[in-house]
Amino acid sequence: MGKEKLVVEGKEIILVGTAHISEKSIALAEKAIREENPDCVGVELDLQRLKQLKQGEQWSEMNLEKVIATGQTYLLLFNLLLANIQRQFGQKLGVKPGQEMIRAIEVAEEQGKQIVLLDRDVRVTLKRALDKMSFIEKLKLLYSLSLGLFGYGREEITKEKIEEIKQQDMINKLMLELSKEMPSIKEVLVDERDAFIAHQILSSPGKKIVAIIGAGHVDGIKKNLMERKPVAGLTSTVKRKSLLSYAKYLVPVIFIALLAYAFLSKGIETGMGVFIAWFLITGLLSALGVLIARGHVYSALTAFLAAPFAALHPLLAVGWFAGAVEAKFNSPKIKDFENLRNLNSLGDFTKNKVTRILLVAAFANLGSTIGTIIALPYIVATIS
């Protein structure tokens, strides 16, 4: 943690590197603003995270059907997990994450300084990251979710560990750890944000700005300030086409071709065997995913019946149907939305009716995908 000064394009910039769960950072942010008397104060927040820090997440406003139907299930689960990890650390350390940013805003408002939100919308960042991940990386992410993300949720918090954490930017550390597991998204989680924040700093009003940023971002932002990298397109969430996205359209073509070949060349019995194999493999694995998420038996039955057909339609997902049935039989109550702020383990995620619906949808889709990957080679081997 510390303060660095530089001049770029005639603008005096004071970068204040903080740790998001440190009392020292709160004092450092306040001191820097009072001493430097800048024209404006920038904070490493977007509007969404600012509202979250001030008011808490408004989870009760969430439309679960829309989340599942628009393919944002994994995004929301990831966001929920990060929010709860931050809360757990804050409780252990006695400091609510992000309080140095809130204090910086309070001091700036007291002094009549203009405030600039420097970070990109967190929903854009997470959406771009998930869109860029490969199927294997998404599997790793699900595995990490089930373990409490790199073991943090299960690791004993000692006094020594607390002191170590206090000297770090926790959010950046988590993102860097995630980047090691899933290297393709480091660019989105770290590099793009550094470029975006640097751009916001240079675009801020006045000749002097104090920027309160995570200590882990200081070096990357300094580099981007000097190089002035373009940021066009960094706020877009247009999904890039991957091999998996094209596979959605290839799977039905391949299956129908294999089924036709089996019936025409091998006879009715072989053709029926191909259809049954497809139905059982995709259906059973999708249903298994629902049961792993501790979904209702009817949700699992729905996944079993819907997966073989949804897997053949590029615009459908079995998770939609399984999630809808889960919502019908285990409809969330107000307390479930309120308790989204208090999820401490995988067990809590499966007990809470909101997150259980999300897990049912996610695991039903995952099981169907794995079933498709297994079923097609099996069918080819059967009719060869």
Protein backbone atom coordinates (compact mmCIF):
# COMPACT_ATOMS: atom_id res chain seq x y z
CA MET A 1 0.00 0.00 0.00
CA GLY A 2 1.28 3.50 -0.77
CA LYS A 3 1.10 6.64 -2.85
CA GLU A 4 2.74 7.41 -6.20
CA LYS A 5 2.76 10.62 -8.21
CA LEU A 6 3.21 11.09 -11.94
CA VAL A 7 2.40 13.63 -14.62
CA VAL A 8 0.81 12.48 -17.87
CA GLU A 9 -0.48 14.77 -20.65
CA GLY A 10 -0.34 17.76 -18.33
CA LYS A 11 -2.43 16.06 -15.64
CA GLU A 12 -0.99 15.45 -12.17
CA ILE A 13 -2.04 11.99 -11.06
CA ILE A 14 -1.70 10.61 -7.54
CA LEU A 15 -2.22 6.84 -7.43
CA VAL A 16 -3.12 5.62 -3.95
CA GLY A 17 -2.73 1.83 -3.75
CA THR A 18 -4.92 0.25 -1.10
CA ALA A 19 -5.94 -3.13 0.28
CA HIS A 20 -9.73 -3.41 0.28
CA ILE A 21 -9.95 -4.91 3.79
CA SER A 22 -7.45 -2.82 5.73
CA GLU A 23 -8.08 -0.09 8.31
CA LYS A 24 -4.77 1.49 7.27
CA SER A 25 -6.12 1.88 3.73
CA ILE A 26 -9.10 3.86 5.00
CA ALA A 27 -6.77 6.30 6.75
CA LEU A 28 -4.42 6.40 3.75
CA ALA A 29 -7.21 7.29 1.32
CA GLU A 30 -8.53 10.09 3.56
CA LYS A 31 -5.05 11.50 4.20
CA ALA A 32 -4.13 11.55 0.50
CA ILE A 33 -7.24 13.54 -0.45
CA ARG A 34 -6.85 16.07 2.35
CA GLU A 35 -3.13 16.58 1.71
CA GLU A 36 -3.21 16.71 -2.08
CA ASN A 37 -6.37 18.84 -2.45
CA PRO A 38 -7.12 17.51 -5.98
CA ASP A 39 -9.63 18.80 -8.51
CA CYS A 40 -11.37 15.42 -8.45
CA VAL A 41 -11.21 12.06 -6.71
CA GLY A 42 -11.38 8.76 -8.59
CA VAL A 43 -12.30 5.46 -6.93
CA GLU A 44 -11.91 1.93 -8.24
CA LEU A 45 -15.63 1.29 -8.31
CA ASP A 46 -18.40 1.09 -10.87
CA LEU A 47 -21.96 2.23 -10.20
CA GLN A 48 -23.09 -1.33 -9.44
CA ARG A 49 -20.43 -1.95 -6.79
CA LEU A 50 -20.94 1.51 -5.30
CA LYS A 51 -24.64 0.78 -4.79
CA GLN A 52 -23.73 -2.60 -3.32
CA LEU A 53 -21.32 -1.05 -0.81
CA LYS A 54 -23.79 1.64 0.22
CA GLN A 55 -27.05 -0.30 0.19
CA GLY A 56 -26.16 -3.97 -0.04
CA GLU A 57 -27.13 -6.18 -2.97
CA GLN A 58 -30.80 -5.83 -3.92
CA TRP A 59 -31.19 -9.54 -4.61
CA SER A 60 -34.95 -9.43 -4.03
CA GLU A 61 -35.29 -7.52 -7.31
CA MET A 62 -33.77 -10.42 -9.24
CA ASN A 63 -35.91 -12.16 -11.88
CA LEU A 64 -34.82 -15.81 -11.70
CA GLU A 65 -36.67 -16.82 -14.86
CA LYS A 66 -34.91 -14.10 -16.84
CA VAL A 67 -31.52 -15.01 -15.37
CA ILE A 68 -31.87 -18.65 -16.44
CA ALA A 69 -33.47 -17.93 -19.83
CA THR A 70 -30.78 -15.42 -20.82
CA GLY A 71 -27.91 -17.72 -19.90
CA GLN A 72 -26.70 -15.67 -16.92
CA THR A 73 -26.87 -18.55 -14.42
CA TYR A 74 -23.10 -19.06 -14.14
CA LEU A 75 -22.52 -15.30 -14.03
CA LEU A 76 -24.87 -14.82 -11.10
CA LEU A 77 -23.48 -17.81 -9.20
CA PHE A 78 -19.97 -16.45 -9.62
CA ASN A 79 -21.05 -12.99 -8.50
CA LEU A 80 -22.80 -14.42 -5.44
CA LEU A 81 -19.74 -16.44 -4.48
CA LEU A 82 -17.38 -13.47 -4.75
CA ALA A 83 -19.74 -11.30 -2.70
CA ASN A 84 -19.89 -13.88 0.07
CA ILE A 85 -16.14 -14.45 0.09
CA GLN A 86 -15.65 -10.70 0.54
CA ARG A 87 -18.16 -10.70 3.39
CA GLN A 88 -16.42 -13.63 5.11
CA PHE A 89 -13.05 -11.91 4.97
CA GLY A 90 -14.56 -8.66 6.19
CA GLN A 91 -16.09 -10.42 9.20
CA LYS A 92 -12.81 -12.14 10.05
CA LEU A 93 -10.79 -8.94 9.76
CA GLY A 94 -13.32 -6.57 11.31
CA VAL A 95 -13.31 -4.32 8.24
CA LYS A 96 -16.04 -4.31 5.61
CA PRO A 97 -14.46 -4.69 2.13
CA GLY A 98 -14.28 -1.47 0.12
CA GLN A 99 -14.60 0.92 3.05
CA GLU A 100 -11.56 2.93 1.91
CA MET A 101 -13.49 3.71 -1.29
CA ILE A 102 -16.56 4.81 0.67
CA ARG A 103 -14.42 6.98 2.96
CA ALA A 104 -12.71 8.55 -0.07
CA ILE A 105 -16.13 9.45 -1.50
CA GLU A 106 -17.27 10.90 1.84
CA VAL A 107 -14.16 13.09 2.14
CA ALA A 108 -14.47 14.21 -1.49
CA GLU A 109 -18.10 15.16 -0.93
CA GLU A 110 -17.18 17.08 2.23
CA GLN A 111 -14.65 19.11 0.25
CA GLY A 112 -16.91 19.60 -2.75
CA LYS A 113 -14.65 17.59 -5.06
CA GLN A 114 -15.94 15.92 -8.20
CA ILE A 115 -16.05 12.12 -7.93
CA VAL A 116 -15.18 9.80 -10.81
CA LEU A 117 -16.02 6.09 -10.86
CA LEU A 118 -12.96 4.52 -12.49
CA ASP A 119 -13.81 0.84 -12.89
CA ARG A 120 -15.76 -0.91 -15.61
CA ASP A 121 -19.21 -2.27 -14.81
CA VAL A 122 -18.53 -5.47 -12.84
CA ARG A 123 -21.30 -7.26 -14.76
CA VAL A 124 -19.54 -6.49 -18.05
CA THR A 125 -16.23 -7.73 -16.66
CA LEU A 126 -17.66 -11.02 -15.41
CA LYS A 127 -19.75 -11.54 -18.57
CA ARG A 128 -16.73 -10.96 -20.84
CA ALA A 129 -14.68 -13.32 -18.68
CA LEU A 130 -17.23 -16.13 -18.81
CA ASP A 131 -17.76 -15.66 -22.56
CA LYS A 132 -14.04 -16.06 -23.15
CA MET A 133 -13.65 -19.20 -21.06
CA SER A 134 -13.30 -22.56 -22.74
CA PHE A 135 -15.53 -25.47 -21.75
CA ILE A 136 -12.68 -26.98 -19.70
CA GLU A 137 -12.14 -23.69 -17.91
CA LYS A 138 -15.84 -23.50 -17.07
CA LEU A 139 -15.56 -26.99 -15.57
CA LYS A 140 -12.63 -25.76 -13.49
CA LEU A 141 -14.73 -22.81 -12.40
CA LEU A 142 -17.55 -25.09 -11.27
CA TYR A 143 -15.03 -27.20 -9.37
CA SER A 144 -13.62 -24.07 -7.76
CA LEU A 145 -17.13 -22.94 -6.82
CA SER A 146 -17.81 -26.25 -5.12
CA LEU A 147 -14.63 -25.91 -3.04
CA GLY A 148 -15.38 -22.34 -1.99
CA LEU A 149 -13.08 -20.83 -4.63
CA PHE A 150 -9.47 -21.97 -4.11
CA GLY A 151 -10.14 -23.20 -0.61
CA TYR A 152 -10.61 -19.78 0.97
CA GLY A 153 -13.96 -20.73 2.38
CA ARG A 154 -12.46 -23.73 4.22
CA GLU A 155 -9.05 -22.38 5.19
CA GLU A 156 -8.47 -21.59 8.85
CA ILE A 157 -7.92 -17.86 9.30
CA THR A 158 -4.96 -17.41 11.65
CA LYS A 159 -3.54 -14.13 13.00
CA GLU A 160 -0.60 -14.49 10.62
CA LYS A 161 -2.94 -15.04 7.68
CA ILE A 162 -4.93 -11.96 8.63
CA GLU A 163 -1.80 -9.78 8.64
CA GLU A 164 -0.76 -11.22 5.26
CA ILE A 165 -4.18 -10.52 3.75
CA LYS A 166 -4.20 -6.96 5.10
CA GLN A 167 -1.22 -6.15 2.90
CA GLN A 168 -2.93 -7.30 -0.30
CA ASP A 169 -5.65 -6.18 -2.66
CA MET A 170 -8.04 -9.06 -2.00
CA ILE A 171 -10.16 -8.71 -5.13
CA ASN A 172 -7.10 -8.53 -7.35
CA LYS A 173 -5.57 -11.52 -5.54
CA LEU A 174 -8.69 -13.58 -6.12
CA MET A 175 -8.72 -12.60 -9.78
CA LEU A 176 -5.05 -13.44 -10.20
CA GLU A 177 -5.62 -16.84 -8.59
CA LEU A 178 -8.53 -17.39 -10.94
CA SER A 179 -6.32 -16.39 -13.88
CA LYS A 180 -3.82 -19.12 -12.95
CA GLU A 181 -6.57 -21.71 -13.11
CA MET A 182 -8.13 -20.22 -16.25
CA PRO A 183 -5.40 -18.29 -18.12
CA SER A 184 -7.58 -17.25 -21.04
CA ILE A 185 -9.50 -14.78 -18.87
CA LYS A 186 -6.55 -12.96 -17.27
CA GLU A 187 -6.76 -10.41 -20.07
CA VAL A 188 -10.37 -9.62 -19.13
CA LEU A 189 -10.07 -9.68 -15.35
CA VAL A 190 -6.79 -7.81 -15.01
CA ASP A 191 -5.35 -6.27 -18.19
CA GLU A 192 -8.59 -4.84 -19.60
CA ARG A 193 -9.53 -3.30 -16.26
CA ASP A 194 -6.11 -1.69 -15.92
CA ALA A 195 -6.50 -0.13 -19.38
CA PHE A 196 -10.06 1.02 -18.64
CA ILE A 197 -9.14 2.59 -15.29
CA ALA A 198 -6.16 4.38 -16.84
CA HIS A 199 -8.44 5.78 -19.54
CA GLN A 200 -10.93 6.99 -16.93
CA ILE A 201 -8.16 8.72 -14.99
CA LEU A 202 -6.90 10.58 -18.07
CA SER A 203 -10.46 11.51 -19.03
CA SER A 204 -11.29 12.90 -15.59
CA PRO A 205 -11.97 16.65 -15.23
CA GLY A 206 -9.38 19.05 -13.83
CA LYS A 207 -5.60 19.05 -13.77
CA LYS A 208 -5.09 17.03 -10.63
CA ILE A 209 -6.70 13.74 -9.59
CA VAL A 210 -6.27 11.44 -6.62
CA ALA A 211 -7.10 7.89 -7.72
CA ILE A 212 -7.91 5.36 -5.00
CA ILE A 213 -7.17 1.94 -6.52
CA GLY A 214 -6.31 -1.56 -5.40
CA ALA A 215 -2.57 -1.96 -4.76
CA GLY A 216 -2.41 -4.86 -7.19
CA HIS A 217 -3.49 -2.60 -10.05
CA VAL A 218 -0.91 0.17 -9.58
CA ASP A 219 1.79 -1.18 -11.90
CA GLY A 220 -0.63 -2.09 -14.68
CA ILE A 221 -2.38 1.27 -14.53
CA LYS A 222 0.93 3.18 -14.56
CA LYS A 223 1.96 1.28 -17.70
CA ASN A 224 -1.35 2.04 -19.40
CA LEU A 225 -1.18 5.71 -18.42
CA MET A 226 2.15 5.98 -20.20
CA GLU A 227 1.15 3.99 -23.28
CA ARG A 228 -2.43 5.35 -23.56
CA LYS A 229 -3.84 2.10 -24.94
CA PRO A 230 -7.21 2.30 -26.75
CA VAL A 231 -10.23 1.06 -24.81
CA ALA A 232 -12.74 0.83 -27.66
CA GLY A 233 -14.83 -2.29 -27.28
CA LEU A 234 -13.92 -2.94 -23.63
CA THR A 235 -17.47 -2.19 -22.50
CA SER A 236 -19.06 -4.55 -25.03
CA THR A 237 -20.53 -7.90 -24.01
CA VAL A 238 -20.99 -9.33 -27.50
CA LYS A 239 -20.16 -13.00 -27.11
CA ARG A 240 -17.24 -14.24 -29.16
CA LYS A 241 -17.89 -17.31 -31.23
CA SER A 242 -16.11 -20.37 -29.88
CA LEU A 243 -15.91 -23.94 -31.12
CA LEU A 244 -18.51 -24.81 -28.49
CA SER A 245 -20.95 -22.24 -29.88
CA TYR A 246 -20.68 -23.78 -33.35
CA ALA A 247 -20.96 -27.27 -31.86
CA LYS A 248 -24.55 -26.46 -30.83
CA TYR A 249 -25.47 -26.44 -34.49
CA LEU A 250 -23.28 -29.38 -35.49
CA VAL A 251 -24.54 -31.78 -32.83
CA PRO A 252 -28.09 -32.18 -34.24
CA VAL A 253 -26.73 -32.56 -37.77
CA ILE A 254 -24.24 -35.22 -36.68
CA PHE A 255 -26.78 -37.10 -34.58
CA ILE A 256 -29.46 -37.13 -37.28
CA ALA A 257 -26.88 -38.31 -39.81
CA LEU A 258 -25.76 -41.11 -37.50
CA LEU A 259 -29.35 -42.09 -36.72
CA ALA A 260 -30.29 -42.17 -40.40
CA TYR A 261 -27.21 -44.23 -41.22
CA ALA A 262 -28.04 -46.70 -38.44
CA PHE A 263 -31.62 -47.19 -39.64
CA LEU A 264 -30.81 -47.36 -43.35
CA SER A 265 -27.62 -49.40 -43.22
CA LYS A 266 -27.86 -51.43 -40.02
CA GLY A 267 -31.58 -51.94 -39.63
CA ILE A 268 -34.38 -50.90 -37.32
CA GLU A 269 -32.94 -52.64 -34.25
CA THR A 270 -29.61 -50.80 -34.50
CA GLY A 271 -31.37 -47.54 -35.24
CA MET A 272 -33.53 -47.89 -32.15
CA GLY A 273 -30.44 -48.80 -30.15
CA VAL A 274 -28.78 -45.55 -31.25
CA PHE A 275 -31.81 -43.50 -30.21
CA ILE A 276 -32.08 -45.26 -26.84
CA ALA A 277 -28.36 -44.81 -26.17
CA TRP A 278 -28.62 -41.09 -26.92
CA PHE A 279 -31.72 -40.73 -24.75
CA LEU A 280 -30.28 -42.60 -21.79
CA ILE A 281 -26.78 -41.08 -21.78
CA THR A 282 -27.82 -37.43 -22.16
CA GLY A 283 -30.92 -37.82 -20.00
CA LEU A 284 -29.30 -39.70 -17.13
CA LEU A 285 -26.28 -37.42 -16.90
CA SER A 286 -28.46 -34.31 -16.95
CA ALA A 287 -30.70 -35.79 -14.24
CA LEU A 288 -27.58 -36.71 -12.25
CA GLY A 289 -26.49 -33.09 -12.41
CA VAL A 290 -29.82 -32.00 -10.93
CA LEU A 291 -29.52 -34.54 -8.11
CA ILE A 292 -25.95 -33.41 -7.35
CA ALA A 293 -27.39 -29.90 -6.95
CA ARG A 294 -29.95 -31.46 -4.56
CA GLY A 295 -32.82 -30.63 -6.85
CA HIS A 296 -36.34 -32.01 -6.56
CA VAL A 297 -36.94 -35.48 -7.98
CA TYR A 298 -39.39 -33.98 -10.49
CA SER A 299 -36.69 -31.54 -11.62
CA ALA A 300 -34.39 -34.50 -12.22
CA LEU A 301 -37.15 -36.32 -14.11
CA THR A 302 -37.73 -33.21 -16.22
CA ALA A 303 -34.00 -33.02 -17.01
CA PHE A 304 -34.00 -36.72 -17.97
CA LEU A 305 -36.90 -36.27 -20.40
CA ALA A 306 -35.88 -32.88 -21.81
CA ALA A 307 -32.11 -33.27 -22.20
CA PRO A 308 -32.14 -35.64 -25.23
CA PHE A 309 -34.27 -33.16 -27.18
CA ALA A 310 -32.84 -29.89 -25.84
CA ALA A 311 -29.34 -31.11 -26.75
CA LEU A 312 -30.52 -31.32 -30.37
CA HIS A 313 -31.92 -27.79 -30.47
CA PRO A 314 -29.29 -25.00 -30.53
CA LEU A 315 -31.68 -22.45 -29.02
CA LEU A 316 -32.88 -24.55 -26.09
CA ALA A 317 -31.23 -25.51 -22.82
CA VAL A 318 -32.38 -28.29 -20.51
CA GLY A 319 -31.56 -26.03 -17.55
CA TRP A 320 -34.51 -23.81 -18.45
CA PHE A 321 -36.96 -26.66 -17.95
CA ALA A 322 -35.30 -28.20 -14.89
CA GLY A 323 -34.95 -24.77 -13.26
CA ALA A 324 -38.59 -23.92 -13.92
CA VAL A 325 -39.79 -27.16 -12.31
CA GLU A 326 -37.45 -26.62 -9.35
CA ALA A 327 -38.90 -23.14 -8.88
CA LYS A 328 -42.43 -24.59 -8.91
CA PHE A 329 -41.77 -27.21 -6.25
CA ASN A 330 -39.27 -25.22 -4.17
CA SER A 331 -40.40 -21.65 -4.67
CA PRO A 332 -38.03 -19.15 -2.96
CA LYS A 333 -39.31 -17.12 -0.02
CA ILE A 334 -38.28 -13.60 0.99
CA LYS A 335 -35.84 -15.01 3.55
CA ASP A 336 -34.05 -16.94 0.78
CA PHE A 337 -33.32 -13.70 -1.08
CA GLU A 338 -32.24 -12.01 2.17
CA ASN A 339 -29.92 -14.92 3.01
CA LEU A 340 -28.05 -14.62 -0.29
CA ARG A 341 -25.70 -12.37 1.70
CA ASN A 342 -24.92 -15.20 4.12
CA LEU A 343 -23.79 -18.19 2.07
CA ASN A 344 -20.73 -19.74 3.73
CA SER A 345 -20.44 -23.17 2.11
CA LEU A 346 -21.60 -25.35 -0.75
CA GLY A 347 -24.22 -26.70 1.63
CA ASP A 348 -25.63 -23.19 2.05
CA PHE A 349 -25.80 -22.78 -1.74
CA THR A 350 -27.85 -25.98 -2.07
CA LYS A 351 -30.09 -25.24 0.93
CA ASN A 352 -30.98 -21.73 -0.19
CA LYS A 353 -33.88 -22.08 -2.63
CA VAL A 354 -32.67 -19.26 -4.89
CA THR A 355 -29.17 -20.64 -5.41
CA ARG A 356 -30.49 -24.20 -5.57
CA ILE A 357 -32.60 -23.25 -8.60
CA LEU A 358 -29.52 -21.68 -10.21
CA LEU A 359 -27.42 -24.76 -9.43
CA VAL A 360 -30.12 -27.08 -10.78
CA ALA A 361 -30.19 -25.15 -14.07
CA ALA A 362 -26.39 -25.00 -14.30
CA PHE A 363 -25.78 -28.65 -13.44
CA ALA A 364 -28.59 -29.87 -15.71
CA ASN A 365 -26.91 -28.06 -18.61
CA LEU A 366 -23.50 -29.36 -17.62
CA GLY A 367 -24.74 -32.94 -17.37
CA SER A 368 -26.40 -32.67 -20.78
CA THR A 369 -23.20 -31.32 -22.33
CA ILE A 370 -21.08 -34.11 -20.84
CA GLY A 371 -23.69 -36.61 -21.98
CA THR A 372 -23.48 -35.30 -25.54
CA ILE A 373 -19.69 -35.54 -25.51
CA ILE A 374 -19.93 -39.17 -24.35
CA ALA A 375 -22.91 -40.23 -26.45
CA LEU A 376 -21.70 -39.24 -29.92
CA PRO A 377 -18.42 -41.25 -29.85
CA TYR A 378 -20.29 -44.18 -28.29
CA ILE A 379 -22.84 -44.15 -31.09
CA VAL A 380 -20.11 -43.96 -33.73
CA ALA A 381 -18.37 -46.98 -32.14
CA THR A 382 -21.69 -48.85 -32.00
CA ILE A 383 -22.53 -48.52 -35.71
CA SER A 384 -18.98 -48.83 -37.07
